[in-house]
Amino acid sequence: MAKLYFHYSTMNAGKSTVLLQASHNYRENNMDTYLLTAALDDRAGQGRIASRIGIGAEADMFRPGENLFDKVANRLAKDPVASIFVDEAQFLSPDQVWDLARVVDDLRVPVLCYGLRVDFQGKLFPGSATLLALADEMREVRTICHCGKKATMVIRQDDQGRTITEGAQVQIGGNETYVSLCRRHWRQATGDLPAEASD
């Protein structure tokens, strides 16, 4: 039975690596996959999913306002696919998440989404919030804070390494911009932890 999956984490947890490995496993067994990524994230090049460990694959792109049910249906009309993989799923709109839910229910193709859960201010991305509401199965892809605890939050930094607490929710960047932290160290970095509790 087809399902909608949401694999979520903070930055630098290896979401793209997991996605690429899963797609490879399908293809190794002669089952084609359809890869999608956000058009606005071009760090690896337009229409490309890449991992920090050096692996990558070409992907189709989704854009704001695009109907993903129609996009997937058009792709399936050309060739069947065993599964659909969506990278940078936090950039999906709520309507696009519903489109993917309809792909699962009506076209009976599994959809595996990989993305961030929260932004640098600790707020859910709209796409992630809708995936948390609609996904049949969810899995946390874990990474660690510098203290060794599980990282659940992310801070944004300027080019001097200072924590930024205000600004647009979406700013494309990698290790030079974002750092994954546990909640306590996120609070410390954002000035929310009292001085006496920061030891």
Protein backbone atom coordinates (compact mmCIF):
# COMPACT_ATOMS: atom_id res chain seq x y z
CA MET A 1 0.00 0.00 0.00
CA ALA A 2 1.33 3.44 -0.96
CA LYS A 3 2.05 5.88 1.85
CA LEU A 4 3.15 9.46 2.36
CA TYR A 5 6.37 9.55 4.38
CA PHE A 6 8.08 12.49 6.07
CA HIS A 7 11.75 12.16 7.04
CA TYR A 8 12.66 15.29 8.98
CA SER A 9 15.63 16.72 10.84
CA THR A 10 17.77 19.80 11.37
CA MET A 11 20.53 20.91 9.00
CA ASN A 12 23.43 18.57 8.23
CA ALA A 13 21.78 15.37 9.42
CA GLY A 14 22.24 13.55 6.11
CA LYS A 15 18.67 13.74 4.75
CA SER A 16 19.83 14.00 1.13
CA THR A 17 22.26 11.12 1.64
CA VAL A 18 19.42 8.92 2.95
CA LEU A 19 17.18 9.97 0.04
CA LEU A 20 19.83 9.23 -2.58
CA GLN A 21 20.64 5.85 -1.03
CA ALA A 22 16.97 4.85 -0.93
CA SER A 23 16.48 5.89 -4.57
CA HIS A 24 19.61 3.96 -5.52
CA ASN A 25 18.24 0.84 -3.81
CA TYR A 26 15.07 1.02 -5.91
CA ARG A 27 17.00 1.53 -9.15
CA GLU A 28 19.41 -1.27 -8.32
CA ASN A 29 16.34 -3.54 -8.30
CA ASN A 30 15.16 -2.25 -11.71
CA MET A 31 12.48 0.01 -10.23
CA ASP A 32 12.58 3.60 -11.47
CA THR A 33 12.17 6.55 -9.15
CA TYR A 34 11.14 10.16 -9.67
CA LEU A 35 13.20 12.75 -7.80
CA LEU A 36 11.97 16.26 -7.03
CA THR A 37 13.72 19.17 -5.35
CA ALA A 38 12.93 22.83 -4.70
CA ALA A 39 13.83 25.13 -7.59
CA LEU A 40 14.89 27.87 -5.19
CA ASP A 41 17.66 25.74 -3.64
CA ASP A 42 20.41 25.74 -6.25
CA ARG A 43 23.40 25.13 -3.95
CA ALA A 44 24.18 21.90 -5.86
CA GLY A 45 23.10 23.38 -9.20
CA GLN A 46 19.66 23.70 -10.74
CA GLY A 47 17.70 20.45 -10.64
CA ARG A 48 20.23 18.52 -8.61
CA ILE A 49 20.11 16.77 -5.24
CA ALA A 50 23.53 16.50 -3.64
CA SER A 51 24.88 15.29 -0.33
CA ARG A 52 27.71 16.79 1.71
CA ILE A 53 29.55 13.46 1.34
CA GLY A 54 29.81 13.95 -2.41
CA ILE A 55 27.00 11.90 -3.97
CA GLY A 56 24.27 13.43 -6.11
CA ALA A 57 21.59 12.88 -8.72
CA GLU A 58 19.60 14.88 -11.25
CA ALA A 59 16.08 15.81 -10.18
CA ASP A 60 13.02 17.56 -11.52
CA MET A 61 12.19 20.83 -9.77
CA PHE A 62 9.05 22.03 -8.02
CA ARG A 63 8.22 25.73 -7.92
CA PRO A 64 5.93 27.81 -5.70
CA GLY A 65 2.29 27.46 -6.74
CA GLU A 66 2.93 24.49 -9.03
CA ASN A 67 0.33 21.70 -8.96
CA LEU A 68 2.34 18.64 -7.98
CA PHE A 69 -0.49 16.17 -8.54
CA ASP A 70 -0.57 17.21 -12.22
CA LYS A 71 3.24 17.22 -12.41
CA VAL A 72 3.49 13.68 -11.06
CA ALA A 73 0.55 12.43 -13.16
CA ASN A 74 2.26 13.78 -16.29
CA ARG A 75 5.50 12.03 -15.33
CA LEU A 76 3.69 8.75 -14.69
CA ALA A 77 1.99 9.00 -18.09
CA LYS A 78 5.46 8.72 -19.70
CA ASP A 79 6.89 5.87 -17.62
CA PRO A 80 5.88 4.10 -14.43
CA VAL A 81 7.86 4.79 -11.26
CA ALA A 82 8.04 2.73 -8.09
CA SER A 83 8.44 5.69 -5.75
CA ILE A 84 8.67 9.48 -5.64
CA PHE A 85 11.35 11.23 -3.57
CA VAL A 86 11.06 14.89 -2.58
CA ASP A 87 14.10 16.76 -1.22
CA GLU A 88 13.87 20.12 0.58
CA ALA A 89 10.25 19.31 1.46
CA GLN A 90 10.05 22.21 3.91
CA PHE A 91 9.69 24.45 0.84
CA LEU A 92 6.46 22.75 -0.26
CA SER A 93 3.32 24.80 0.24
CA PRO A 94 0.45 23.24 2.22
CA ASP A 95 -1.46 22.83 -1.08
CA GLN A 96 1.50 20.98 -2.60
CA VAL A 97 1.63 18.60 0.36
CA TRP A 98 -2.06 17.88 -0.26
CA ASP A 99 -1.19 17.30 -3.94
CA LEU A 100 1.33 14.66 -2.84
CA ALA A 101 -1.21 13.07 -0.48
CA ARG A 102 -3.54 12.76 -3.46
CA VAL A 103 -0.74 11.15 -5.49
CA VAL A 104 -0.48 8.50 -2.78
CA ASP A 105 -4.23 7.98 -2.42
CA ASP A 106 -5.37 8.31 -6.04
CA LEU A 107 -2.34 7.24 -8.09
CA ARG A 108 -1.14 4.71 -5.48
CA VAL A 109 2.51 5.67 -5.64
CA PRO A 110 4.55 6.07 -2.44
CA VAL A 111 5.93 9.56 -1.79
CA LEU A 112 8.94 10.02 0.48
CA CYS A 113 9.58 13.61 1.59
CA TYR A 114 12.81 14.77 3.24
CA GLY A 115 13.15 18.18 4.86
CA LEU A 116 13.68 20.44 7.81
CA ARG A 117 11.07 20.53 10.56
CA VAL A 118 11.75 23.99 12.03
CA ASP A 119 13.44 27.18 10.91
CA PHE A 120 16.15 29.23 12.67
CA GLN A 121 13.51 30.84 14.92
CA GLY A 122 12.18 27.48 16.09
CA LYS A 123 9.00 27.77 13.98
CA LEU A 124 7.58 25.07 11.74
CA PHE A 125 7.87 25.58 8.01
CA PRO A 126 4.35 25.56 6.48
CA GLY A 127 5.22 22.56 4.28
CA SER A 128 6.65 20.66 7.24
CA ALA A 129 3.65 21.47 9.42
CA THR A 130 1.32 20.07 6.76
CA LEU A 131 3.50 16.98 6.33
CA LEU A 132 3.41 16.41 10.10
CA ALA A 133 -0.39 16.57 9.87
CA LEU A 134 -0.85 14.37 6.78
CA ALA A 135 2.05 11.89 6.63
CA ASP A 136 1.22 8.22 7.12
CA GLU A 137 4.67 7.63 8.58
CA MET A 138 7.32 9.95 9.99
CA ARG A 139 10.96 9.38 10.84
CA GLU A 140 13.49 11.67 12.45
CA VAL A 141 16.91 11.69 10.80
CA ARG A 142 19.16 12.49 13.74
CA THR A 143 22.26 14.58 14.12
CA ILE A 144 24.05 15.90 17.16
CA CYS A 145 24.80 19.21 18.82
CA HIS A 146 28.42 20.11 19.67
CA CYS A 147 27.64 18.96 23.23
CA GLY A 148 26.78 15.44 22.07
CA LYS A 149 23.02 15.69 22.67
CA LYS A 150 20.52 15.24 19.85
CA ALA A 151 20.20 18.41 17.76
CA THR A 152 16.59 19.47 17.22
CA MET A 153 17.06 23.17 16.41
CA VAL A 154 19.11 25.28 14.03
CA ILE A 155 20.56 28.78 14.26
CA ARG A 156 21.37 31.14 11.42
CA GLN A 157 24.67 33.02 11.54
CA ASP A 158 26.08 36.03 9.75
CA ASP A 159 29.50 35.99 8.08
CA GLN A 160 31.12 36.86 11.43
CA GLY A 161 29.57 33.85 13.17
CA ARG A 162 27.05 35.92 15.12
CA THR A 163 23.60 34.42 15.68
CA ILE A 164 20.77 36.04 13.70
CA THR A 165 17.35 35.93 15.35
CA GLU A 166 15.26 37.90 12.85
CA GLY A 167 14.74 37.83 9.10
CA ALA A 168 13.00 35.95 6.35
CA GLN A 169 12.14 32.33 7.08
CA VAL A 170 13.84 31.15 3.89
CA GLN A 171 17.50 31.91 3.24
CA ILE A 172 19.42 29.32 1.28
CA GLY A 173 22.68 28.31 2.89
CA GLY A 174 24.80 25.50 4.22
CA ASN A 175 27.41 25.04 6.93
CA GLU A 176 28.55 28.64 6.53
CA THR A 177 25.07 29.89 7.50
CA TYR A 178 23.41 27.29 9.72
CA VAL A 179 24.44 25.32 12.80
CA SER A 180 22.37 22.49 14.33
CA LEU A 181 22.04 22.57 18.11
CA CYS A 182 20.14 20.94 20.97
CA ARG A 183 17.31 23.08 22.34
CA ARG A 184 19.35 24.27 25.35
CA HIS A 185 22.27 25.48 23.23
CA TRP A 186 19.84 27.02 20.70
CA ARG A 187 18.31 28.97 23.60
CA GLN A 188 21.78 30.00 24.72
CA ALA A 189 22.75 31.12 21.20
CA THR A 190 19.53 33.10 20.72
CA GLY A 191 19.72 34.79 24.14
CA ASP A 192 16.77 32.92 25.64
CA LEU A 193 18.74 31.12 28.35
CA PRO A 194 19.30 33.07 31.60
CA ALA A 195 22.99 33.71 32.37
CA GLU A 196 22.85 31.68 35.58
CA ALA A 197 21.53 28.67 33.63
CA SER A 198 24.13 28.83 30.85
CA ASP A 199 26.87 26.94 32.68
